[in-house]
């Protein structure tokens, strides 16, 4: 294979190596800061999912509370009275008690023993009041908003540090390189790296990364809740994940090559 011409730009083939991503991450800040960002990403999603779970529990409790209130107000009262009560009343005499002289007096306790339980003094599932549900739900929403905002601010701060670090590293290497580098690389190619490529790293990459992380965290939270309720959904989810990964591999191979060709064709305009 012949050597490339002096002014011909070499183009990398294949997927982007993981070492390049790691270099970008290392420029963002120390390991402690990166771990704190990961913690914020997880805890913000946990707060959001907790608000959804609490809202579901709240609505279910309110539904049971309304059913309990309707039963106390007399809805369906006749259907809950046992037929033995009317039989006992028909068999009474004027000198007997109101419910008759039977061997087993019919009392409220007897009604409860028969399973009717007409009047409930308490609800087993009613643990919190409506105000408590509102306060807890508001706390979850407020925590989700604060954590999401803090997460985004810290993420963009780390991306800015990474962009500055990469720019300073590239500029330092250009200043310290040999003169033969400028003979084989025209000025337009160098300006293209410092202008368009670094502009994409400064503006486009942080937004794209944040959107991808948010979508991934939301999807993970939804899938976890679905798997808890319906464990059999794991099987179709794994199949769909394999199909999506296959589509991703095909798309990235084409998209990365197109962006590389775009960078090469733009370089002569700066010269």
C-alpha atoms as a PDB file:
ATOM      1  CA  UNK A   1       0.000   0.000   0.000  1.00  0.00           C
ATOM      2  CA  UNK A   2       1.472   3.326  -1.070  1.00  0.00           C
ATOM      3  CA  UNK A   3       2.254   6.033   1.466  1.00  0.00           C
ATOM      4  CA  UNK A   4      -0.264   8.904   1.641  1.00  0.00           C
ATOM      5  CA  UNK A   5       0.608  12.170  -0.064  1.00  0.00           C
ATOM      6  CA  UNK A   6       2.047  14.938   1.960  1.00  0.00           C
ATOM      7  CA  UNK A   7      -1.172  16.929   2.012  1.00  0.00           C
ATOM      8  CA  UNK A   8      -3.490  13.918   2.175  1.00  0.00           C
ATOM      9  CA  UNK A   9      -5.263  13.549   5.499  1.00  0.00           C
ATOM     10  CA  UNK A  10      -5.342  10.117   7.062  1.00  0.00           C
ATOM     11  CA  UNK A  11      -8.809   8.937   8.062  1.00  0.00           C
ATOM     12  CA  UNK A  12      -9.408   6.532  10.904  1.00  0.00           C
ATOM     13  CA  UNK A  13     -11.525   3.498  10.136  1.00  0.00           C
ATOM     14  CA  UNK A  14     -13.954   1.603  12.323  1.00  0.00           C
ATOM     15  CA  UNK A  15     -15.609   2.517  15.597  1.00  0.00           C
ATOM     16  CA  UNK A  16     -14.268   5.069  18.041  1.00  0.00           C
ATOM     17  CA  UNK A  17     -12.046   3.410  20.617  1.00  0.00           C
ATOM     18  CA  UNK A  18     -13.031   3.387  24.272  1.00  0.00           C
ATOM     19  CA  UNK A  19      -9.699   5.007  25.183  1.00  0.00           C
ATOM     20  CA  UNK A  20     -10.878   8.200  23.482  1.00  0.00           C
ATOM     21  CA  UNK A  21     -13.997   8.297  25.641  1.00  0.00           C
ATOM     22  CA  UNK A  22     -11.918   7.656  28.747  1.00  0.00           C
ATOM     23  CA  UNK A  23      -9.573  10.512  27.816  1.00  0.00           C
ATOM     24  CA  UNK A  24     -12.569  12.847  27.548  1.00  0.00           C
ATOM     25  CA  UNK A  25     -13.924  11.693  30.916  1.00  0.00           C
ATOM     26  CA  UNK A  26     -10.560  12.071  32.664  1.00  0.00           C
ATOM     27  CA  UNK A  27     -10.342  15.670  31.484  1.00  0.00           C
ATOM     28  CA  UNK A  28     -13.682  16.411  33.158  1.00  0.00           C
ATOM     29  CA  UNK A  29     -12.395  16.290  36.709  1.00  0.00           C
ATOM     30  CA  UNK A  30     -11.174  14.039  39.519  1.00  0.00           C
ATOM     31  CA  UNK A  31     -12.643  10.619  40.162  1.00  0.00           C
ATOM     32  CA  UNK A  32     -14.492  11.828  43.265  1.00  0.00           C
ATOM     33  CA  UNK A  33     -16.363  14.451  41.236  1.00  0.00           C
ATOM     34  CA  UNK A  34     -17.283  11.913  38.568  1.00  0.00           C
ATOM     35  CA  UNK A  35     -18.555   9.474  41.189  1.00  0.00           C
ATOM     36  CA  UNK A  36     -20.610  12.246  42.778  1.00  0.00           C
ATOM     37  CA  UNK A  37     -22.160  12.965  39.377  1.00  0.00           C
ATOM     38  CA  UNK A  38     -23.022   9.283  39.006  1.00  0.00           C
ATOM     39  CA  UNK A  39     -24.619   9.350  42.460  1.00  0.00           C
ATOM     40  CA  UNK A  40     -26.724  12.381  41.505  1.00  0.00           C
ATOM     41  CA  UNK A  41     -27.853  10.690  38.300  1.00  0.00           C
ATOM     42  CA  UNK A  42     -29.059   7.642  40.212  1.00  0.00           C
ATOM     43  CA  UNK A  43     -30.622   9.439  43.183  1.00  0.00           C
ATOM     44  CA  UNK A  44     -32.478  11.904  40.920  1.00  0.00           C
ATOM     45  CA  UNK A  45     -34.069   9.037  39.031  1.00  0.00           C
ATOM     46  CA  UNK A  46     -34.901   7.277  42.301  1.00  0.00           C
ATOM     47  CA  UNK A  47     -36.688  10.415  43.520  1.00  0.00           C
ATOM     48  CA  UNK A  48     -38.673  10.642  40.292  1.00  0.00           C
ATOM     49  CA  UNK A  49     -39.720   6.993  40.411  1.00  0.00           C
ATOM     50  CA  UNK A  50     -40.536   7.268  44.121  1.00  0.00           C
ATOM     51  CA  UNK A  51     -42.955  10.092  43.331  1.00  0.00           C
ATOM     52  CA  UNK A  52     -44.715   7.866  40.784  1.00  0.00           C
ATOM     53  CA  UNK A  53     -44.905   4.931  43.201  1.00  0.00           C
ATOM     54  CA  UNK A  54     -46.186   7.145  46.021  1.00  0.00           C
ATOM     55  CA  UNK A  55     -48.833   8.648  43.725  1.00  0.00           C
ATOM     56  CA  UNK A  56     -50.024   5.153  42.808  1.00  0.00           C
ATOM     57  CA  UNK A  57     -50.248   4.174  46.476  1.00  0.00           C
ATOM     58  CA  UNK A  58     -52.068   7.413  47.258  1.00  0.00           C
ATOM     59  CA  UNK A  59     -54.718   6.933  44.552  1.00  0.00           C
ATOM     60  CA  UNK A  60     -55.321   3.332  45.639  1.00  0.00           C
ATOM     61  CA  UNK A  61     -55.756   4.434  49.244  1.00  0.00           C
ATOM     62  CA  UNK A  62     -58.195   7.182  48.267  1.00  0.00           C
ATOM     63  CA  UNK A  63     -60.222   4.678  46.267  1.00  0.00           C
ATOM     64  CA  UNK A  64     -60.482   2.332  49.246  1.00  0.00           C
ATOM     65  CA  UNK A  65     -61.297   5.281  51.482  1.00  0.00           C
ATOM     66  CA  UNK A  66     -64.203   6.313  49.247  1.00  0.00           C
ATOM     67  CA  UNK A  67     -65.570   2.768  49.225  1.00  0.00           C
ATOM     68  CA  UNK A  68     -65.320   2.678  53.008  1.00  0.00           C
ATOM     69  CA  UNK A  69     -67.103   6.043  53.321  1.00  0.00           C
ATOM     70  CA  UNK A  70     -69.911   4.929  51.010  1.00  0.00           C
ATOM     71  CA  UNK A  71     -70.455   1.754  53.035  1.00  0.00           C
ATOM     72  CA  UNK A  72     -70.794   3.812  56.219  1.00  0.00           C
ATOM     73  CA  UNK A  73     -73.259   6.245  54.605  1.00  0.00           C
ATOM     74  CA  UNK A  74     -75.634   3.354  53.790  1.00  0.00           C
ATOM     75  CA  UNK A  75     -74.823   2.455  50.194  1.00  0.00           C
ATOM     76  CA  UNK A  76     -75.632  -1.192  49.805  1.00  0.00           C
ATOM     77  CA  UNK A  77     -76.828  -1.394  53.465  1.00  0.00           C
ATOM     78  CA  UNK A  78     -79.770  -3.738  52.809  1.00  0.00           C
ATOM     79  CA  UNK A  79     -77.592  -6.149  50.886  1.00  0.00           C
ATOM     80  CA  UNK A  80     -75.314  -6.549  53.893  1.00  0.00           C
ATOM     81  CA  UNK A  81     -78.012  -7.366  56.471  1.00  0.00           C
ATOM     82  CA  UNK A  82     -78.277 -11.148  56.970  1.00  0.00           C
ATOM     83  CA  UNK A  83     -81.593 -12.869  56.368  1.00  0.00           C
ATOM     84  CA  UNK A  84     -81.513 -14.361  59.898  1.00  0.00           C
ATOM     85  CA  UNK A  85     -82.252 -10.913  61.278  1.00  0.00           C
ATOM     86  CA  UNK A  86     -85.649 -10.692  59.531  1.00  0.00           C
ATOM     87  CA  UNK A  87     -86.494 -14.295  60.498  1.00  0.00           C
ATOM     88  CA  UNK A  88     -85.788 -13.547  64.144  1.00  0.00           C
ATOM     89  CA  UNK A  89     -87.930 -10.401  64.028  1.00  0.00           C
ATOM     90  CA  UNK A  90     -90.888 -12.302  62.549  1.00  0.00           C
ATOM     91  CA  UNK A  91     -90.733 -14.927  65.308  1.00  0.00           C
ATOM     92  CA  UNK A  92     -90.913 -12.408  68.177  1.00  0.00           C
ATOM     93  CA  UNK A  93     -93.909 -12.023  70.483  1.00  0.00           C
ATOM     94  CA  UNK A  94     -95.177  -8.859  72.174  1.00  0.00           C
ATOM     95  CA  UNK A  95     -93.645  -9.946  75.479  1.00  0.00           C
ATOM     96  CA  UNK A  96     -90.288 -10.800  74.002  1.00  0.00           C
ATOM     97  CA  UNK A  97     -87.347  -8.588  73.408  1.00  0.00           C
ATOM     98  CA  UNK A  98     -87.008  -6.612  70.210  1.00  0.00           C
ATOM     99  CA  UNK A  99     -84.925  -9.280  68.524  1.00  0.00           C
ATOM    100  CA  UNK A 100     -86.825 -12.205  69.959  1.00  0.00           C
ATOM    101  CA  UNK A 101     -86.077 -14.805  72.599  1.00  0.00           C
ATOM    102  CA  UNK A 102     -83.748 -16.901  70.592  1.00  0.00           C
ATOM    103  CA  UNK A 103     -80.898 -18.994  71.895  1.00  0.00           C
ATOM    104  CA  UNK A 104     -78.432 -16.782  70.036  1.00  0.00           C
ATOM    105  CA  UNK A 105     -79.306 -13.092  70.356  1.00  0.00           C
ATOM    106  CA  UNK A 106     -78.541 -11.161  67.225  1.00  0.00           C
ATOM    107  CA  UNK A 107     -76.238  -8.301  68.067  1.00  0.00           C
ATOM    108  CA  UNK A 108     -73.751  -6.149  66.251  1.00  0.00           C
ATOM    109  CA  UNK A 109     -71.060  -8.621  67.220  1.00  0.00           C
ATOM    110  CA  UNK A 110     -73.086 -11.418  65.673  1.00  0.00           C
ATOM    111  CA  UNK A 111     -73.322  -9.422  62.481  1.00  0.00           C
ATOM    112  CA  UNK A 112     -69.597  -9.010  62.521  1.00  0.00           C
ATOM    113  CA  UNK A 113     -69.102 -12.713  63.111  1.00  0.00           C
ATOM    114  CA  UNK A 114     -71.317 -13.464  60.127  1.00  0.00           C
ATOM    115  CA  UNK A 115     -68.887 -11.562  57.947  1.00  0.00           C
ATOM    116  CA  UNK A 116     -71.016  -8.553  57.135  1.00  0.00           C
ATOM    117  CA  UNK A 117     -68.991  -6.055  59.144  1.00  0.00           C
ATOM    118  CA  UNK A 118     -71.469  -3.281  58.350  1.00  0.00           C
ATOM    119  CA  UNK A 119     -69.783  -0.485  60.285  1.00  0.00           C
ATOM    120  CA  UNK A 120     -66.029  -0.199  60.162  1.00  0.00           C
ATOM    121  CA  UNK A 121     -64.394   1.941  62.771  1.00  0.00           C
ATOM    122  CA  UNK A 122     -61.010   1.892  61.108  1.00  0.00           C
ATOM    123  CA  UNK A 123     -59.458   0.914  57.792  1.00  0.00           C
ATOM    124  CA  UNK A 124     -56.540  -1.464  57.935  1.00  0.00           C
ATOM    125  CA  UNK A 125     -54.881   0.026  54.882  1.00  0.00           C
ATOM    126  CA  UNK A 126     -55.486   3.646  55.901  1.00  0.00           C
ATOM    127  CA  UNK A 127     -52.172   4.491  57.482  1.00  0.00           C
ATOM    128  CA  UNK A 128     -51.702   8.129  56.459  1.00  0.00           C
ATOM    129  CA  UNK A 129     -54.065  11.040  56.113  1.00  0.00           C
ATOM    130  CA  UNK A 130     -54.647  12.882  52.860  1.00  0.00           C
ATOM    131  CA  UNK A 131     -52.505  15.791  54.028  1.00  0.00           C
ATOM    132  CA  UNK A 132     -49.618  13.435  54.737  1.00  0.00           C
ATOM    133  CA  UNK A 133     -49.857  11.990  51.242  1.00  0.00           C
ATOM    134  CA  UNK A 134     -49.791  15.504  49.777  1.00  0.00           C
ATOM    135  CA  UNK A 135     -46.756  16.522  51.839  1.00  0.00           C
ATOM    136  CA  UNK A 136     -44.770  13.405  50.975  1.00  0.00           C
ATOM    137  CA  UNK A 137     -45.627  13.644  47.282  1.00  0.00           C
ATOM    138  CA  UNK A 138     -44.652  17.330  47.233  1.00  0.00           C
ATOM    139  CA  UNK A 139     -41.365  16.448  48.928  1.00  0.00           C
ATOM    140  CA  UNK A 140     -40.598  13.836  46.277  1.00  0.00           C
ATOM    141  CA  UNK A 141     -41.396  16.291  43.466  1.00  0.00           C
ATOM    142  CA  UNK A 142     -39.293  19.046  45.044  1.00  0.00           C
ATOM    143  CA  UNK A 143     -36.377  16.660  45.585  1.00  0.00           C
ATOM    144  CA  UNK A 144     -36.639  15.467  41.995  1.00  0.00           C
ATOM    145  CA  UNK A 145     -36.551  19.043  40.668  1.00  0.00           C
ATOM    146  CA  UNK A 146     -33.597  20.068  42.843  1.00  0.00           C
ATOM    147  CA  UNK A 147     -31.578  16.920  42.139  1.00  0.00           C
ATOM    148  CA  UNK A 148     -32.259  17.110  38.403  1.00  0.00           C
ATOM    149  CA  UNK A 149     -31.182  20.754  38.271  1.00  0.00           C
ATOM    150  CA  UNK A 150     -28.048  20.093  40.317  1.00  0.00           C
ATOM    151  CA  UNK A 151     -27.251  17.070  38.172  1.00  0.00           C
ATOM    152  CA  UNK A 152     -27.510  19.078  34.947  1.00  0.00           C
ATOM    153  CA  UNK A 153     -25.402  21.946  36.289  1.00  0.00           C
ATOM    154  CA  UNK A 154     -22.675  19.600  37.498  1.00  0.00           C
ATOM    155  CA  UNK A 155     -22.744  17.650  34.245  1.00  0.00           C
ATOM    156  CA  UNK A 156     -22.263  20.774  32.115  1.00  0.00           C
ATOM    157  CA  UNK A 157     -19.506  21.945  34.458  1.00  0.00           C
ATOM    158  CA  UNK A 158     -17.657  18.655  33.947  1.00  0.00           C
ATOM    159  CA  UNK A 159     -18.151  18.912  30.180  1.00  0.00           C
ATOM    160  CA  UNK A 160     -16.728  22.451  30.210  1.00  0.00           C
ATOM    161  CA  UNK A 161     -13.691  21.230  32.136  1.00  0.00           C
ATOM    162  CA  UNK A 162     -13.227  18.425  29.615  1.00  0.00           C
ATOM    163  CA  UNK A 163     -13.475  20.827  26.670  1.00  0.00           C
ATOM    164  CA  UNK A 164     -10.950  23.218  28.198  1.00  0.00           C
ATOM    165  CA  UNK A 165      -8.599  20.383  29.031  1.00  0.00           C
ATOM    166  CA  UNK A 166      -8.725  18.912  25.525  1.00  0.00           C
ATOM    167  CA  UNK A 167      -8.261  22.324  23.906  1.00  0.00           C
ATOM    168  CA  UNK A 168      -5.286  23.195  26.109  1.00  0.00           C
ATOM    169  CA  UNK A 169      -3.727  19.772  25.543  1.00  0.00           C
ATOM    170  CA  UNK A 170      -4.132  20.021  21.778  1.00  0.00           C
ATOM    171  CA  UNK A 171      -2.804  23.591  21.672  1.00  0.00           C
ATOM    172  CA  UNK A 172       0.193  22.640  23.811  1.00  0.00           C
ATOM    173  CA  UNK A 173       1.026  19.724  21.521  1.00  0.00           C
ATOM    174  CA  UNK A 174       0.805  21.932  18.428  1.00  0.00           C
ATOM    175  CA  UNK A 175       3.188  24.477  19.948  1.00  0.00           C
ATOM    176  CA  UNK A 176       5.724  21.812  20.889  1.00  0.00           C
ATOM    177  CA  UNK A 177       5.577  19.775  17.694  1.00  0.00           C
ATOM    178  CA  UNK A 178       8.267  19.691  15.019  1.00  0.00           C
ATOM    179  CA  UNK A 179       8.217  21.895  11.942  1.00  0.00           C
ATOM    180  CA  UNK A 180       7.652  18.860   9.735  1.00  0.00           C
ATOM    181  CA  UNK A 181       4.149  18.652  11.178  1.00  0.00           C
ATOM    182  CA  UNK A 182       3.220  21.968   9.536  1.00  0.00           C
ATOM    183  CA  UNK A 183       4.696  20.809   6.242  1.00  0.00           C
ATOM    184  CA  UNK A 184       2.482  17.726   6.110  1.00  0.00           C
ATOM    185  CA  UNK A 185      -0.628  19.397   7.585  1.00  0.00           C
ATOM    186  CA  UNK A 186      -1.882  22.611   5.964  1.00  0.00           C
ATOM    187  CA  UNK A 187      -3.171  25.471   8.070  1.00  0.00           C
ATOM    188  CA  UNK A 188      -6.794  24.829   7.086  1.00  0.00           C
ATOM    189  CA  UNK A 189      -6.674  21.354   8.551  1.00  0.00           C
ATOM    190  CA  UNK A 190      -5.325  22.661  11.852  1.00  0.00           C
ATOM    191  CA  UNK A 191      -7.879  25.487  11.994  1.00  0.00           C
ATOM    192  CA  UNK A 192     -10.646  23.001  11.278  1.00  0.00           C
ATOM    193  CA  UNK A 193      -9.699  21.015  14.375  1.00  0.00           C
ATOM    194  CA  UNK A 194      -9.640  24.109  16.588  1.00  0.00           C
ATOM    195  CA  UNK A 195     -12.844  25.622  15.185  1.00  0.00           C
ATOM    196  CA  UNK A 196     -15.483  23.180  13.968  1.00  0.00           C
ATOM    197  CA  UNK A 197     -14.367  20.065  15.824  1.00  0.00           C
ATOM    198  CA  UNK A 198     -13.801  21.810  19.137  1.00  0.00           C
ATOM    199  CA  UNK A 199     -17.059  23.692  18.631  1.00  0.00           C
ATOM    200  CA  UNK A 200     -18.868  20.360  18.429  1.00  0.00           C
ATOM    201  CA  UNK A 201     -17.119  19.218  21.614  1.00  0.00           C
ATOM    202  CA  UNK A 202     -18.078  22.459  23.383  1.00  0.00           C
ATOM    203  CA  UNK A 203     -21.719  22.753  22.265  1.00  0.00           C
ATOM    204  CA  UNK A 204     -23.183  19.669  20.597  1.00  0.00           C
ATOM    205  CA  UNK A 205     -21.546  16.876  22.591  1.00  0.00           C
ATOM    206  CA  UNK A 206     -22.672  17.973  26.111  1.00  0.00           C
ATOM    207  CA  UNK A 207     -26.315  18.342  25.067  1.00  0.00           C
ATOM    208  CA  UNK A 208     -26.295  15.020  23.226  1.00  0.00           C
ATOM    209  CA  UNK A 209     -24.676  13.244  26.174  1.00  0.00           C
ATOM    210  CA  UNK A 210     -27.124  14.722  28.682  1.00  0.00           C
ATOM    211  CA  UNK A 211     -30.110  13.737  26.532  1.00  0.00           C
ATOM    212  CA  UNK A 212     -28.742  10.211  26.144  1.00  0.00           C
ATOM    213  CA  UNK A 213     -28.124   9.873  29.891  1.00  0.00           C
ATOM    214  CA  UNK A 214     -31.579  11.204  30.776  1.00  0.00           C
ATOM    215  CA  UNK A 215     -33.302   8.847  28.344  1.00  0.00           C
ATOM    216  CA  UNK A 216     -31.261   5.909  29.625  1.00  0.00           C
ATOM    217  CA  UNK A 217     -32.023   6.680  33.284  1.00  0.00           C
ATOM    218  CA  UNK A 218     -35.747   7.172  32.652  1.00  0.00           C
ATOM    219  CA  UNK A 219     -35.888   3.967  30.620  1.00  0.00           C
ATOM    220  CA  UNK A 220     -34.042   2.067  33.354  1.00  0.00           C
ATOM    221  CA  UNK A 221     -36.395   3.368  36.040  1.00  0.00           C
ATOM    222  CA  UNK A 222     -39.482   2.418  34.035  1.00  0.00           C
ATOM    223  CA  UNK A 223     -38.131  -1.039  33.238  1.00  0.00           C
ATOM    224  CA  UNK A 224     -37.291  -1.718  36.885  1.00  0.00           C
ATOM    225  CA  UNK A 225     -40.850  -0.889  37.970  1.00  0.00           C
ATOM    226  CA  UNK A 226     -42.296  -2.957  35.124  1.00  0.00           C
ATOM    227  CA  UNK A 227     -40.080  -5.938  35.981  1.00  0.00           C
ATOM    228  CA  UNK A 228     -41.156  -5.772  39.635  1.00  0.00           C
ATOM    229  CA  UNK A 229     -44.839  -5.872  38.694  1.00  0.00           C
ATOM    230  CA  UNK A 230     -44.525  -8.165  35.649  1.00  0.00           C
ATOM    231  CA  UNK A 231     -41.329 -10.272  35.845  1.00  0.00           C
ATOM    232  CA  UNK A 232     -42.144 -12.082  32.601  1.00  0.00           C
ATOM    233  CA  UNK A 233     -41.572  -8.806  30.718  1.00  0.00           C
ATOM    234  CA  UNK A 234     -37.824  -9.390  31.119  1.00  0.00           C
ATOM    235  CA  UNK A 235     -37.839 -11.884  28.230  1.00  0.00           C
ATOM    236  CA  UNK A 236     -39.265  -9.578  25.507  1.00  0.00           C
ATOM    237  CA  UNK A 237     -37.207  -6.678  26.866  1.00  0.00           C
ATOM    238  CA  UNK A 238     -33.973  -8.637  26.407  1.00  0.00           C
ATOM    239  CA  UNK A 239     -34.976  -9.527  22.839  1.00  0.00           C
ATOM    240  CA  UNK A 240     -35.783  -5.901  22.003  1.00  0.00           C
ATOM    241  CA  UNK A 241     -32.520  -4.750  23.603  1.00  0.00           C
ATOM    242  CA  UNK A 242     -30.589  -7.080  21.280  1.00  0.00           C
ATOM    243  CA  UNK A 243     -32.414  -5.699  18.232  1.00  0.00           C
ATOM    244  CA  UNK A 244     -31.774  -2.107  19.295  1.00  0.00           C
ATOM    245  CA  UNK A 245     -28.085  -2.841  19.861  1.00  0.00           C
ATOM    246  CA  UNK A 246     -27.802  -4.361  16.382  1.00  0.00           C
ATOM    247  CA  UNK A 247     -29.462  -1.248  14.903  1.00  0.00           C
ATOM    248  CA  UNK A 248     -27.102   0.975  16.890  1.00  0.00           C
ATOM    249  CA  UNK A 249     -24.014  -0.788  15.516  1.00  0.00           C
ATOM    250  CA  UNK A 250     -25.198  -0.318  11.927  1.00  0.00           C
ATOM    251  CA  UNK A 251     -26.122   3.333  12.452  1.00  0.00           C
ATOM    252  CA  UNK A 252     -22.906   4.337  14.226  1.00  0.00           C
ATOM    253  CA  UNK A 253     -20.722   2.731  11.559  1.00  0.00           C
ATOM    254  CA  UNK A 254     -22.344   4.885   8.872  1.00  0.00           C
ATOM    255  CA  UNK A 255     -22.736   8.072  10.927  1.00  0.00           C
ATOM    256  CA  UNK A 256     -19.114   8.129  12.102  1.00  0.00           C
ATOM    257  CA  UNK A 257     -17.741   7.633   8.591  1.00  0.00           C
ATOM    258  CA  UNK A 258     -19.965  10.420   7.267  1.00  0.00           C
ATOM    259  CA  UNK A 259     -18.768  12.839   9.954  1.00  0.00           C
ATOM    260  CA  UNK A 260     -15.148  11.971   9.169  1.00  0.00           C
ATOM    261  CA  UNK A 261     -15.657  12.657   5.475  1.00  0.00           C
ATOM    262  CA  UNK A 262     -17.370  15.931   6.356  1.00  0.00           C
ATOM    263  CA  UNK A 263     -14.368  17.030   8.394  1.00  0.00           C
ATOM    264  CA  UNK A 264     -11.952  16.186   5.579  1.00  0.00           C
ATOM    265  CA  UNK A 265     -13.910  18.033   2.889  1.00  0.00           C
ATOM    266  CA  UNK A 266     -14.284  21.135   5.073  1.00  0.00           C
ATOM    267  CA  UNK A 267     -10.559  21.506   5.783  1.00  0.00           C
ATOM    268  CA  UNK A 268      -9.545  22.941   2.346  1.00  0.00           C
ATOM    269  CA  UNK A 269     -11.986  25.842   2.777  1.00  0.00           C
ATOM    270  CA  UNK A 270      -9.947  27.104   5.746  1.00  0.00           C
ATOM    271  CA  UNK A 271      -6.756  27.007   3.720  1.00  0.00           C
END
